[in-house]
Amino acid sequence: MAKLAEKSAEKAEVQPVNAVLAVEVEQLPVGPNREQIELRAYEIYVQRGSVDGNDLADWLEAENELLAQAALLVPIAKAAAA
């Protein structure tokens, strides 16, 4: 009888795929995190020949690139969840 109760509990937890996707989309970060920006800024620095003195410009460029990518991805994820 315990197994039957466990199976009933498992079935109660199952949600439609769209409902699960909607929750996951709502939890998507709005933009890049610090580590992602830091990595992209370093990549830009290396692409420029590793010349010092432009750390703020590299950071802002990296942040803008990643924010633009996030702005494109969130509507796609929301459409997929609908």
PDB file of N, CA and C in Angstrom:
ATOM      1  N   MET A   1       0.821  -1.176   0.000  1.00  0.00           N
ATOM      2  CA  MET A   1       0.000   0.000   0.000  1.00  0.00           C
ATOM      3  C   MET A   1       0.880   1.261   0.000  1.00  0.00           C
ATOM      4  N   ALA A   2       2.043   1.204   0.602  1.00  0.00           N
ATOM      5  CA  ALA A   2       2.945   2.347   0.645  1.00  0.00           C
ATOM      6  C   ALA A   2       3.416   2.715  -0.755  1.00  0.00           C
ATOM      7  N   LYS A   3       3.655   1.708  -1.593  1.00  0.00           N
ATOM      8  CA  LYS A   3       4.087   1.975  -2.963  1.00  0.00           C
ATOM      9  C   LYS A   3       2.995   2.694  -3.739  1.00  0.00           C
ATOM     10  N   LEU A   4       1.759   2.329  -3.533  1.00  0.00           N
ATOM     11  CA  LEU A   4       0.640   2.971  -4.207  1.00  0.00           C
ATOM     12  C   LEU A   4       0.559   4.441  -3.793  1.00  0.00           C
ATOM     13  N   ALA A   5       0.765   4.732  -2.520  1.00  0.00           N
ATOM     14  CA  ALA A   5       0.741   6.109  -2.032  1.00  0.00           C
ATOM     15  C   ALA A   5       1.884   6.917  -2.649  1.00  0.00           C
ATOM     16  N   GLU A   6       3.051   6.292  -2.785  1.00  0.00           N
ATOM     17  CA  GLU A   6       4.188   6.982  -3.400  1.00  0.00           C
ATOM     18  C   GLU A   6       3.905   7.300  -4.856  1.00  0.00           C
ATOM     19  N   LYS A   7       3.330   6.368  -5.596  1.00  0.00           N
ATOM     20  CA  LYS A   7       3.014   6.601  -6.996  1.00  0.00           C
ATOM     21  C   LYS A   7       1.974   7.707  -7.135  1.00  0.00           C
ATOM     22  N   SER A   8       0.996   7.746  -6.261  1.00  0.00           N
ATOM     23  CA  SER A   8      -0.009   8.805  -6.296  1.00  0.00           C
ATOM     24  C   SER A   8       0.632  10.161  -6.042  1.00  0.00           C
ATOM     25  N   ALA A   9       1.562  10.207  -5.100  1.00  0.00           N
ATOM     26  CA  ALA A   9       2.259  11.456  -4.792  1.00  0.00           C
ATOM     27  C   ALA A   9       3.104  11.900  -5.983  1.00  0.00           C
ATOM     28  N   GLU A  10       3.762  10.958  -6.657  1.00  0.00           N
ATOM     29  CA  GLU A  10       4.573  11.287  -7.826  1.00  0.00           C
ATOM     30  C   GLU A  10       3.698  11.862  -8.928  1.00  0.00           C
ATOM     31  N   LYS A  11       2.551  11.271  -9.179  1.00  0.00           N
ATOM     32  CA  LYS A  11       1.652  11.759 -10.221  1.00  0.00           C
ATOM     33  C   LYS A  11       1.145  13.155  -9.894  1.00  0.00           C
ATOM     34  N   ALA A  12       0.927  13.452  -8.632  1.00  0.00           N
ATOM     35  CA  ALA A  12       0.435  14.765  -8.232  1.00  0.00           C
ATOM     36  C   ALA A  12       1.471  15.856  -8.506  1.00  0.00           C
ATOM     37  N   GLU A  13       2.751  15.492  -8.499  1.00  0.00           N
ATOM     38  CA  GLU A  13       3.813  16.468  -8.715  1.00  0.00           C
ATOM     39  C   GLU A  13       4.081  16.742 -10.187  1.00  0.00           C
ATOM     40  N   VAL A  14       3.558  15.946 -11.082  1.00  0.00           N
ATOM     41  CA  VAL A  14       3.805  16.118 -12.509  1.00  0.00           C
ATOM     42  C   VAL A  14       3.032  17.338 -13.000  1.00  0.00           C
ATOM     43  N   GLN A  15       3.734  18.214 -13.702  1.00  0.00           N
ATOM     44  CA  GLN A  15       3.115  19.421 -14.243  1.00  0.00           C
ATOM     45  C   GLN A  15       3.223  19.404 -15.760  1.00  0.00           C
ATOM     46  N   PRO A  16       2.313  20.074 -16.439  1.00  0.00           N
ATOM     47  CA  PRO A  16       2.437  20.172 -17.896  1.00  0.00           C
ATOM     48  C   PRO A  16       3.759  20.846 -18.265  1.00  0.00           C
ATOM     49  N   VAL A  17       4.303  20.466 -19.393  1.00  0.00           N
ATOM     50  CA  VAL A  17       5.601  21.002 -19.826  1.00  0.00           C
ATOM     51  C   VAL A  17       5.547  22.523 -19.940  1.00  0.00           C
ATOM     52  N   ASN A  18       4.477  23.070 -20.488  1.00  0.00           N
ATOM     53  CA  ASN A  18       4.389  24.525 -20.631  1.00  0.00           C
ATOM     54  C   ASN A  18       4.438  25.225 -19.282  1.00  0.00           C
ATOM     55  N   ALA A  19       3.815  24.643 -18.281  1.00  0.00           N
ATOM     56  CA  ALA A  19       3.843  25.247 -16.944  1.00  0.00           C
ATOM     57  C   ALA A  19       5.260  25.237 -16.383  1.00  0.00           C
ATOM     58  N   VAL A  20       5.965  24.163 -16.597  1.00  0.00           N
ATOM     59  CA  VAL A  20       7.350  24.074 -16.120  1.00  0.00           C
ATOM     60  C   VAL A  20       8.218  25.080 -16.851  1.00  0.00           C
ATOM     61  N   LEU A  21       8.067  25.185 -18.168  1.00  0.00           N
ATOM     62  CA  LEU A  21       8.852  26.149 -18.939  1.00  0.00           C
ATOM     63  C   LEU A  21       8.542  27.573 -18.510  1.00  0.00           C
ATOM     64  N   ALA A  22       7.278  27.870 -18.238  1.00  0.00           N
ATOM     65  CA  ALA A  22       6.906  29.220 -17.819  1.00  0.00           C
ATOM     66  C   ALA A  22       7.603  29.589 -16.522  1.00  0.00           C
ATOM     67  N   VAL A  23       7.678  28.674 -15.603  1.00  0.00           N
ATOM     68  CA  VAL A  23       8.359  28.945 -14.338  1.00  0.00           C
ATOM     69  C   VAL A  23       9.841  29.155 -14.584  1.00  0.00           C
ATOM     70  N   GLU A  24      10.442  28.329 -15.410  1.00  0.00           N
ATOM     71  CA  GLU A  24      11.870  28.464 -15.681  1.00  0.00           C
ATOM     72  C   GLU A  24      12.179  29.768 -16.393  1.00  0.00           C
ATOM     73  N   VAL A  25      11.312  30.187 -17.318  1.00  0.00           N
ATOM     74  CA  VAL A  25      11.527  31.451 -18.030  1.00  0.00           C
ATOM     75  C   VAL A  25      11.433  32.614 -17.052  1.00  0.00           C
ATOM     76  N   GLU A  26      10.505  32.556 -16.120  1.00  0.00           N
ATOM     77  CA  GLU A  26      10.363  33.617 -15.133  1.00  0.00           C
ATOM     78  C   GLU A  26      11.620  33.721 -14.277  1.00  0.00           C
ATOM     79  N   GLN A  27      12.344  32.625 -14.127  1.00  0.00           N
ATOM     80  CA  GLN A  27      13.533  32.617 -13.282  1.00  0.00           C
ATOM     81  C   GLN A  27      14.804  32.929 -14.070  1.00  0.00           C
ATOM     82  N   LEU A  28      14.683  33.177 -15.357  1.00  0.00           N
ATOM     83  CA  LEU A  28      15.861  33.516 -16.156  1.00  0.00           C
ATOM     84  C   LEU A  28      16.467  34.827 -15.658  1.00  0.00           C
ATOM     85  N   PRO A  29      17.775  34.897 -15.598  1.00  0.00           N
ATOM     86  CA  PRO A  29      18.377  36.162 -15.207  1.00  0.00           C
ATOM     87  C   PRO A  29      18.119  37.214 -16.274  1.00  0.00           C
ATOM     88  N   VAL A  30      17.947  38.446 -15.852  1.00  0.00           N
ATOM     89  CA  VAL A  30      17.648  39.518 -16.786  1.00  0.00           C
ATOM     90  C   VAL A  30      18.879  39.872 -17.607  1.00  0.00           C
ATOM     91  N   GLY A  31      20.026  39.712 -17.048  1.00  0.00           N
ATOM     92  CA  GLY A  31      21.244  40.056 -17.760  1.00  0.00           C
ATOM     93  C   GLY A  31      22.398  39.187 -17.306  1.00  0.00           C
ATOM     94  N   PRO A  32      23.573  39.485 -17.811  1.00  0.00           N
ATOM     95  CA  PRO A  32      24.752  38.686 -17.470  1.00  0.00           C
ATOM     96  C   PRO A  32      25.188  38.924 -16.031  1.00  0.00           C
ATOM     97  N   ASN A  33      25.853  37.924 -15.473  1.00  0.00           N
ATOM     98  CA  ASN A  33      26.388  38.102 -14.122  1.00  0.00           C
ATOM     99  C   ASN A  33      27.815  38.655 -14.212  1.00  0.00           C
ATOM    100  N   ARG A  34      28.363  38.991 -13.071  1.00  0.00           N
ATOM    101  CA  ARG A  34      29.682  39.609 -13.008  1.00  0.00           C
ATOM    102  C   ARG A  34      30.763  38.727 -13.655  1.00  0.00           C
ATOM    103  N   GLU A  35      30.694  37.435 -13.403  1.00  0.00           N
ATOM    104  CA  GLU A  35      31.704  36.524 -13.948  1.00  0.00           C
ATOM    105  C   GLU A  35      31.664  36.500 -15.479  1.00  0.00           C
ATOM    106  N   GLN A  36      30.475  36.506 -16.054  1.00  0.00           N
ATOM    107  CA  GLN A  36      30.343  36.502 -17.506  1.00  0.00           C
ATOM    108  C   GLN A  36      30.908  37.784 -18.114  1.00  0.00           C
ATOM    109  N   ILE A  37      30.602  38.920 -17.480  1.00  0.00           N
ATOM    110  CA  ILE A  37      31.122  40.198 -17.972  1.00  0.00           C
ATOM    111  C   ILE A  37      32.642  40.225 -17.855  1.00  0.00           C
ATOM    112  N   GLU A  38      33.133  39.757 -16.739  1.00  0.00           N
ATOM    113  CA  GLU A  38      34.580  39.730 -16.501  1.00  0.00           C
ATOM    114  C   GLU A  38      35.298  38.898 -17.570  1.00  0.00           C
ATOM    115  N   LEU A  39      34.749  37.729 -17.869  1.00  0.00           N
ATOM    116  CA  LEU A  39      35.359  36.857 -18.879  1.00  0.00           C
ATOM    117  C   LEU A  39      35.347  37.517 -20.252  1.00  0.00           C
ATOM    118  N   ARG A  40      34.208  38.109 -20.624  1.00  0.00           N
ATOM    119  CA  ARG A  40      34.122  38.753 -21.946  1.00  0.00           C
ATOM    120  C   ARG A  40      35.044  39.963 -22.009  1.00  0.00           C
ATOM    121  N   ALA A  41      35.138  40.728 -20.925  1.00  0.00           N
ATOM    122  CA  ALA A  41      36.037  41.887 -20.904  1.00  0.00           C
ATOM    123  C   ALA A  41      37.489  41.438 -21.078  1.00  0.00           C
ATOM    124  N   TYR A  42      37.846  40.318 -20.466  1.00  0.00           N
ATOM    125  CA  TYR A  42      39.195  39.787 -20.632  1.00  0.00           C
ATOM    126  C   TYR A  42      39.434  39.357 -22.084  1.00  0.00           C
ATOM    127  N   GLU A  43      38.431  38.735 -22.692  1.00  0.00           N
ATOM    128  CA  GLU A  43      38.559  38.337 -24.097  1.00  0.00           C
ATOM    129  C   GLU A  43      38.787  39.563 -24.987  1.00  0.00           C
ATOM    130  N   ILE A  44      38.058  40.633 -24.717  1.00  0.00           N
ATOM    131  CA  ILE A  44      38.226  41.877 -25.485  1.00  0.00           C
ATOM    132  C   ILE A  44      39.632  42.430 -25.278  1.00  0.00           C
ATOM    133  N   TYR A  45      40.109  42.409 -24.046  1.00  0.00           N
ATOM    134  CA  TYR A  45      41.466  42.865 -23.708  1.00  0.00           C
ATOM    135  C   TYR A  45      42.513  42.084 -24.503  1.00  0.00           C
ATOM    136  N   VAL A  46      42.360  40.774 -24.552  1.00  0.00           N
ATOM    137  CA  VAL A  46      43.314  39.929 -25.279  1.00  0.00           C
ATOM    138  C   VAL A  46      43.217  40.211 -26.784  1.00  0.00           C
ATOM    139  N   GLN A  47      42.018  40.376 -27.299  1.00  0.00           N
ATOM    140  CA  GLN A  47      41.845  40.669 -28.725  1.00  0.00           C
ATOM    141  C   GLN A  47      42.488  42.003 -29.105  1.00  0.00           C
ATOM    142  N   ARG A  48      42.540  42.937 -28.170  1.00  0.00           N
ATOM    143  CA  ARG A  48      43.170  44.231 -28.413  1.00  0.00           C
ATOM    144  C   ARG A  48      44.688  44.161 -28.282  1.00  0.00           C
ATOM    145  N   GLY A  49      45.220  43.007 -27.991  1.00  0.00           N
ATOM    146  CA  GLY A  49      46.670  42.851 -27.871  1.00  0.00           C
ATOM    147  C   GLY A  49      47.176  42.957 -26.449  1.00  0.00           C
ATOM    148  N   SER A  50      46.298  42.812 -25.481  1.00  0.00           N
ATOM    149  CA  SER A  50      46.653  42.842 -24.052  1.00  0.00           C
ATOM    150  C   SER A  50      47.317  44.152 -23.640  1.00  0.00           C
ATOM    151  N   VAL A  51      46.850  45.236 -24.242  1.00  0.00           N
ATOM    152  CA  VAL A  51      47.370  46.555 -23.895  1.00  0.00           C
ATOM    153  C   VAL A  51      46.566  47.089 -22.715  1.00  0.00           C
ATOM    154  N   ASP A  52      47.275  47.478 -21.638  1.00  0.00           N
ATOM    155  CA  ASP A  52      46.625  47.983 -20.434  1.00  0.00           C
ATOM    156  C   ASP A  52      46.069  49.393 -20.655  1.00  0.00           C
ATOM    157  N   GLY A  53      45.163  49.776 -19.743  1.00  0.00           N
ATOM    158  CA  GLY A  53      44.674  51.150 -19.739  1.00  0.00           C
ATOM    159  C   GLY A  53      43.249  51.327 -20.233  1.00  0.00           C
ATOM    160  N   ASN A  54      42.633  50.271 -20.712  1.00  0.00           N
ATOM    161  CA  ASN A  54      41.264  50.386 -21.223  1.00  0.00           C
ATOM    162  C   ASN A  54      40.308  49.459 -20.492  1.00  0.00           C
ATOM    163  N   ASP A  55      40.587  49.193 -19.225  1.00  0.00           N
ATOM    164  CA  ASP A  55      39.780  48.223 -18.495  1.00  0.00           C
ATOM    165  C   ASP A  55      38.314  48.626 -18.385  1.00  0.00           C
ATOM    166  N   LEU A  56      38.038  49.895 -18.146  1.00  0.00           N
ATOM    167  CA  LEU A  56      36.645  50.336 -18.040  1.00  0.00           C
ATOM    168  C   LEU A  56      35.938  50.219 -19.388  1.00  0.00           C
ATOM    169  N   ALA A  57      36.611  50.627 -20.456  1.00  0.00           N
ATOM    170  CA  ALA A  57      36.019  50.522 -21.794  1.00  0.00           C
ATOM    171  C   ALA A  57      35.761  49.060 -22.153  1.00  0.00           C
ATOM    172  N   ASP A  58      36.696  48.182 -21.823  1.00  0.00           N
ATOM    173  CA  ASP A  58      36.518  46.752 -22.095  1.00  0.00           C
ATOM    174  C   ASP A  58      35.323  46.207 -21.314  1.00  0.00           C
ATOM    175  N   TRP A  59      35.222  46.604 -20.038  1.00  0.00           N
ATOM    176  CA  TRP A  59      34.123  46.139 -19.186  1.00  0.00           C
ATOM    177  C   TRP A  59      32.774  46.602 -19.758  1.00  0.00           C
ATOM    178  N   LEU A  60      32.678  47.876 -20.119  1.00  0.00           N
ATOM    179  CA  LEU A  60      31.419  48.407 -20.634  1.00  0.00           C
ATOM    180  C   LEU A  60      31.037  47.773 -21.975  1.00  0.00           C
ATOM    181  N   GLU A  61      32.029  47.551 -22.818  1.00  0.00           N
ATOM    182  CA  GLU A  61      31.762  46.878 -24.091  1.00  0.00           C
ATOM    183  C   GLU A  61      31.254  45.462 -23.860  1.00  0.00           C
ATOM    184  N   ALA A  62      31.908  44.753 -22.956  1.00  0.00           N
ATOM    185  CA  ALA A  62      31.497  43.381 -22.634  1.00  0.00           C
ATOM    186  C   ALA A  62      30.084  43.370 -22.069  1.00  0.00           C
ATOM    187  N   GLU A  63      29.806  44.268 -21.147  1.00  0.00           N
ATOM    188  CA  GLU A  63      28.478  44.342 -20.538  1.00  0.00           C
ATOM    189  C   GLU A  63      27.409  44.638 -21.586  1.00  0.00           C
ATOM    190  N   ASN A  64      27.677  45.580 -22.468  1.00  0.00           N
ATOM    191  CA  ASN A  64      26.713  45.921 -23.526  1.00  0.00           C
ATOM    192  C   ASN A  64      26.463  44.752 -24.468  1.00  0.00           C
ATOM    193  N   GLU A  65      27.520  44.055 -24.864  1.00  0.00           N
ATOM    194  CA  GLU A  65      27.368  42.885 -25.741  1.00  0.00           C
ATOM    195  C   GLU A  65      26.491  41.817 -25.088  1.00  0.00           C
ATOM    196  N   LEU A  66      26.790  41.519 -23.832  1.00  0.00           N
ATOM    197  CA  LEU A  66      26.068  40.457 -23.141  1.00  0.00           C
ATOM    198  C   LEU A  66      24.620  40.852 -22.847  1.00  0.00           C
ATOM    199  N   LEU A  67      24.390  42.118 -22.544  1.00  0.00           N
ATOM    200  CA  LEU A  67      23.016  42.581 -22.337  1.00  0.00           C
ATOM    201  C   LEU A  67      22.212  42.495 -23.631  1.00  0.00           C
ATOM    202  N   ALA A  68      22.845  42.820 -24.743  1.00  0.00           N
ATOM    203  CA  ALA A  68      22.163  42.715 -26.042  1.00  0.00           C
ATOM    204  C   ALA A  68      21.812  41.260 -26.354  1.00  0.00           C
ATOM    205  N   GLN A  69      22.731  40.349 -26.065  1.00  0.00           N
ATOM    206  CA  GLN A  69      22.451  38.923 -26.280  1.00  0.00           C
ATOM    207  C   GLN A  69      21.300  38.456 -25.398  1.00  0.00           C
ATOM    208  N   ALA A  70      21.289  38.888 -24.144  1.00  0.00           N
ATOM    209  CA  ALA A  70      20.224  38.495 -23.218  1.00  0.00           C
ATOM    210  C   ALA A  70      18.884  39.045 -23.681  1.00  0.00           C
ATOM    211  N   ALA A  71      18.880  40.256 -24.208  1.00  0.00           N
ATOM    212  CA  ALA A  71      17.639  40.861 -24.690  1.00  0.00           C
ATOM    213  C   ALA A  71      17.062  40.074 -25.859  1.00  0.00           C
ATOM    214  N   LEU A  72      17.922  39.444 -26.639  1.00  0.00           N
ATOM    215  CA  LEU A  72      17.451  38.620 -27.765  1.00  0.00           C
ATOM    216  C   LEU A  72      16.969  37.265 -27.305  1.00  0.00           C
ATOM    217  N   LEU A  73      17.577  36.701 -26.282  1.00  0.00           N
ATOM    218  CA  LEU A  73      17.257  35.350 -25.850  1.00  0.00           C
ATOM    219  C   LEU A  73      15.994  35.245 -24.998  1.00  0.00           C
ATOM    220  N   VAL A  74      15.703  36.225 -24.176  1.00  0.00           N
ATOM    221  CA  VAL A  74      14.559  36.146 -23.282  1.00  0.00           C
ATOM    222  C   VAL A  74      13.250  36.059 -24.058  1.00  0.00           C
ATOM    223  N   PRO A  75      13.006  36.879 -25.088  1.00  0.00           N
ATOM    224  CA  PRO A  75      11.746  36.726 -25.831  1.00  0.00           C
ATOM    225  C   PRO A  75      11.636  35.371 -26.526  1.00  0.00           C
ATOM    226  N   ILE A  76      12.735  34.820 -26.985  1.00  0.00           N
ATOM    227  CA  ILE A  76      12.711  33.496 -27.617  1.00  0.00           C
ATOM    228  C   ILE A  76      12.321  32.434 -26.613  1.00  0.00           C
ATOM    229  N   ALA A  77      12.881  32.512 -25.412  1.00  0.00           N
ATOM    230  CA  ALA A  77      12.558  31.547 -24.363  1.00  0.00           C
ATOM    231  C   ALA A  77      11.102  31.697 -23.933  1.00  0.00           C
ATOM    232  N   LYS A  78      10.601  32.913 -23.847  1.00  0.00           N
ATOM    233  CA  LYS A  78       9.205  33.122 -23.467  1.00  0.00           C
ATOM    234  C   LYS A  78       8.270  32.576 -24.538  1.00  0.00           C
ATOM    235  N   ALA A  79       8.619  32.772 -25.809  1.00  0.00           N
ATOM    236  CA  ALA A  79       7.789  32.249 -26.889  1.00  0.00           C
ATOM    237  C   ALA A  79       7.762  30.733 -26.886  1.00  0.00           C
ATOM    238  N   ALA A  80       8.882  30.125 -26.568  1.00  0.00           N
ATOM    239  CA  ALA A  80       8.946  28.665 -26.509  1.00  0.00           C
ATOM    240  C   ALA A  80       8.105  28.118 -25.381  1.00  0.00           C
ATOM    241  N   ALA A  81       7.982  28.891 -24.303  1.00  0.00           N
ATOM    242  CA  ALA A  81       7.218  28.442 -23.146  1.00  0.00           C
ATOM    243  C   ALA A  81       5.706  28.618 -23.353  1.00  0.00           C
ATOM    244  N   ALA A  82       5.343  29.459 -24.279  1.00  0.00           N
ATOM    245  CA  ALA A  82       3.897  29.743 -24.487  1.00  0.00           C
ATOM    246  C   ALA A  82       3.183  28.609 -25.190  1.00  0.00           C
TER     247      ALA A  82
END
